[in-house]
Every structure is written in structure tokens, then in C-alpha cells.
Amino acid sequence: MPLYRQSQMSDREGIDLDRSTLADWVGKSTALLEPLADAVARHVLKGQALFADDTPVVSTLISHRG
């Protein structure tokens, strides 16, 4: 959910949370969780096989052929 919407939701509950505060929290959380993400990646890459979901995803990119 976008940060501006989270900020609006908190405002409706009477809690003043600026988007900049939420963005700071996201940035700090990212830095704190990076070692965990690295450990998960190492664990996954140690396996003999890597399985992935091949469900098609519709792309919104517009091809500019000319």
C-alpha cells in the first residue's frame, strides 16, 4: 500500500504520521532486513534445483516499433 494512503489512514484515526516518517521507517527496515534477505538467498542457491512460478504476467509496457 502506498505510503500516502497509509498516512491518510492514520490521519483518519487521529494519528499524525507524515509520509517522510513512513519513508524513513521503510528505509531503516530495509537496511535491517538486508542480512536476512542475503541469508535466504544463500540458502536457496545452495539447493540442487531452483523452482519458480511461470504464471504469465501481463505487461503494461508499450512497444515502440518503428
N, C-alpha and C. Protein backbone atom coordinates (compact mmCIF):
# COMPACT_ATOMS: atom_id res chain seq x y z
N MET A 1 0.85 -1.17 0.00
CA MET A 1 0.00 0.00 0.00
C MET A 1 0.90 1.24 0.00
N PRO A 2 0.60 2.18 -0.86
CA PRO A 2 1.43 3.39 -0.93
C PRO A 2 1.47 4.13 0.41
N LEU A 3 2.60 4.78 0.64
CA LEU A 3 2.78 5.48 1.91
C LEU A 3 1.78 6.62 2.10
N TYR A 4 1.41 7.29 1.01
CA TYR A 4 0.46 8.40 1.16
C TYR A 4 -0.89 7.89 1.66
N ARG A 5 -1.27 6.67 1.23
CA ARG A 5 -2.53 6.10 1.71
C ARG A 5 -2.43 5.68 3.17
N GLN A 6 -1.29 5.15 3.56
CA GLN A 6 -1.10 4.79 4.96
C GLN A 6 -1.15 6.04 5.84
N SER A 7 -0.57 7.11 5.35
CA SER A 7 -0.59 8.38 6.09
C SER A 7 -2.02 8.89 6.23
N GLN A 8 -2.80 8.79 5.15
CA GLN A 8 -4.20 9.22 5.20
C GLN A 8 -5.01 8.38 6.18
N MET A 9 -4.75 7.07 6.19
CA MET A 9 -5.46 6.19 7.12
C MET A 9 -5.14 6.55 8.56
N SER A 10 -3.88 6.83 8.83
CA SER A 10 -3.51 7.19 10.21
C SER A 10 -4.14 8.52 10.59
N ASP A 11 -4.23 9.46 9.65
CA ASP A 11 -4.89 10.74 9.92
C ASP A 11 -6.34 10.54 10.33
N ARG A 12 -7.04 9.63 9.65
CA ARG A 12 -8.45 9.38 9.98
C ARG A 12 -8.60 8.82 11.39
N GLU A 13 -7.55 8.16 11.88
CA GLU A 13 -7.58 7.61 13.23
C GLU A 13 -7.03 8.60 14.27
N GLY A 14 -6.70 9.80 13.81
CA GLY A 14 -6.20 10.82 14.72
C GLY A 14 -4.72 10.70 15.03
N ILE A 15 -3.99 9.96 14.18
CA ILE A 15 -2.55 9.77 14.38
C ILE A 15 -1.82 10.53 13.28
N ASP A 16 -0.94 11.43 13.67
CA ASP A 16 -0.20 12.24 12.70
C ASP A 16 1.08 11.52 12.29
N LEU A 17 1.06 10.90 11.11
CA LEU A 17 2.24 10.22 10.56
C LEU A 17 2.50 10.77 9.17
N ASP A 18 3.52 11.56 9.04
CA ASP A 18 3.87 12.09 7.73
C ASP A 18 4.46 11.00 6.85
N ARG A 19 4.31 11.20 5.54
CA ARG A 19 4.91 10.25 4.59
C ARG A 19 6.41 10.17 4.75
N SER A 20 7.05 11.27 5.10
CA SER A 20 8.50 11.27 5.26
C SER A 20 8.91 10.36 6.42
N THR A 21 8.11 10.35 7.48
CA THR A 21 8.39 9.46 8.62
C THR A 21 8.25 8.01 8.18
N LEU A 22 7.17 7.71 7.48
CA LEU A 22 6.95 6.34 6.98
C LEU A 22 8.09 5.93 6.04
N ALA A 23 8.52 6.84 5.18
CA ALA A 23 9.62 6.54 4.25
C ALA A 23 10.91 6.26 5.01
N ASP A 24 11.16 7.02 6.07
CA ASP A 24 12.34 6.75 6.90
C ASP A 24 12.27 5.35 7.51
N TRP A 25 11.09 4.99 8.00
CA TRP A 25 10.92 3.65 8.60
C TRP A 25 11.16 2.56 7.57
N VAL A 26 10.64 2.76 6.36
CA VAL A 26 10.84 1.77 5.29
C VAL A 26 12.32 1.63 4.99
N GLY A 27 13.02 2.75 4.88
CA GLY A 27 14.46 2.71 4.59
C GLY A 27 15.24 2.00 5.69
N LYS A 28 14.93 2.32 6.94
CA LYS A 28 15.64 1.68 8.05
C LYS A 28 15.32 0.19 8.12
N SER A 29 14.06 -0.17 7.87
CA SER A 29 13.68 -1.58 7.87
C SER A 29 14.41 -2.34 6.78
N THR A 30 14.55 -1.72 5.62
CA THR A 30 15.27 -2.34 4.50
C THR A 30 16.70 -2.64 4.91
N ALA A 31 17.34 -1.69 5.52
CA ALA A 31 18.74 -1.89 5.95
C ALA A 31 18.83 -2.99 7.00
N LEU A 32 17.89 -3.02 7.93
CA LEU A 32 17.92 -4.03 8.99
C LEU A 32 17.62 -5.44 8.46
N LEU A 33 16.78 -5.53 7.44
CA LEU A 33 16.38 -6.83 6.90
C LEU A 33 17.32 -7.36 5.82
N GLU A 34 18.25 -6.55 5.36
CA GLU A 34 19.15 -6.98 4.29
C GLU A 34 19.95 -8.23 4.65
N PRO A 35 20.50 -8.36 5.87
CA PRO A 35 21.20 -9.59 6.22
C PRO A 35 20.29 -10.83 6.14
N LEU A 36 19.04 -10.68 6.50
CA LEU A 36 18.11 -11.80 6.41
C LEU A 36 17.87 -12.18 4.95
N ALA A 37 17.66 -11.20 4.09
CA ALA A 37 17.46 -11.47 2.67
C ALA A 37 18.69 -12.15 2.07
N ASP A 38 19.87 -11.72 2.47
CA ASP A 38 21.10 -12.34 1.98
C ASP A 38 21.20 -13.79 2.43
N ALA A 39 20.82 -14.06 3.68
CA ALA A 39 20.86 -15.43 4.21
C ALA A 39 19.86 -16.32 3.47
N VAL A 40 18.68 -15.81 3.18
CA VAL A 40 17.68 -16.58 2.43
C VAL A 40 18.21 -16.87 1.03
N ALA A 41 18.81 -15.89 0.38
CA ALA A 41 19.36 -16.09 -0.96
C ALA A 41 20.45 -17.16 -0.95
N ARG A 42 21.34 -17.11 0.03
CA ARG A 42 22.40 -18.13 0.13
C ARG A 42 21.80 -19.52 0.31
N HIS A 43 20.79 -19.63 1.15
CA HIS A 43 20.14 -20.91 1.41
C HIS A 43 19.48 -21.45 0.13
N VAL A 44 18.77 -20.59 -0.58
CA VAL A 44 18.08 -21.00 -1.80
C VAL A 44 19.09 -21.44 -2.86
N LEU A 45 20.17 -20.70 -2.99
CA LEU A 45 21.15 -21.01 -4.03
C LEU A 45 21.98 -22.26 -3.72
N LYS A 46 21.96 -22.74 -2.48
CA LYS A 46 22.67 -23.97 -2.13
C LYS A 46 21.93 -25.22 -2.64
N GLY A 47 20.67 -25.10 -2.95
CA GLY A 47 19.86 -26.24 -3.37
C GLY A 47 20.29 -26.76 -4.73
N GLN A 48 19.89 -27.99 -5.01
CA GLN A 48 20.23 -28.61 -6.29
C GLN A 48 19.39 -28.06 -7.43
N ALA A 49 18.19 -27.59 -7.11
CA ALA A 49 17.31 -27.06 -8.15
C ALA A 49 16.59 -25.83 -7.59
N LEU A 50 16.24 -24.96 -8.49
CA LEU A 50 15.52 -23.75 -8.11
C LEU A 50 14.20 -23.76 -8.88
N PHE A 51 13.11 -23.76 -8.17
CA PHE A 51 11.80 -23.80 -8.80
C PHE A 51 11.20 -22.40 -8.80
N ALA A 52 10.51 -22.09 -9.88
CA ALA A 52 9.91 -20.76 -10.00
C ALA A 52 8.50 -20.89 -10.56
N ASP A 53 7.69 -19.93 -10.27
CA ASP A 53 6.33 -19.87 -10.79
C ASP A 53 6.39 -19.25 -12.18
N ASP A 54 5.85 -19.96 -13.17
CA ASP A 54 5.91 -19.43 -14.53
C ASP A 54 4.54 -18.92 -14.99
N THR A 55 3.76 -18.44 -14.04
CA THR A 55 2.46 -17.86 -14.38
C THR A 55 2.69 -16.60 -15.20
N PRO A 56 2.01 -16.51 -16.35
CA PRO A 56 2.22 -15.32 -17.19
C PRO A 56 1.74 -14.05 -16.49
N VAL A 57 2.45 -12.97 -16.73
CA VAL A 57 2.11 -11.67 -16.17
C VAL A 57 1.91 -10.70 -17.32
N VAL A 58 0.79 -10.00 -17.29
CA VAL A 58 0.51 -9.02 -18.33
C VAL A 58 1.42 -7.83 -18.12
N SER A 59 2.09 -7.42 -19.17
CA SER A 59 2.99 -6.28 -19.09
C SER A 59 2.26 -5.03 -19.54
N THR A 60 2.56 -3.93 -18.88
CA THR A 60 1.95 -2.66 -19.26
C THR A 60 2.88 -1.83 -20.14
N LEU A 61 4.03 -2.42 -20.49
CA LEU A 61 4.97 -1.70 -21.35
C LEU A 61 4.42 -1.62 -22.77
N ILE A 62 4.60 -0.49 -23.38
CA ILE A 62 4.15 -0.30 -24.76
C ILE A 62 5.38 -0.38 -25.65
N SER A 63 5.29 -1.25 -26.63
CA SER A 63 6.40 -1.41 -27.56
C SER A 63 6.37 -0.27 -28.58
N HIS A 64 7.52 0.35 -28.79
CA HIS A 64 7.65 1.43 -29.77
C HIS A 64 8.45 0.91 -30.95
N ARG A 65 7.75 0.31 -31.87
CA ARG A 65 8.42 -0.23 -33.06
C ARG A 65 8.30 0.80 -34.19
N GLY A 66 9.38 0.90 -34.92
CA GLY A 66 9.26 1.89 -36.00
C GLY A 66 10.27 1.79 -37.01
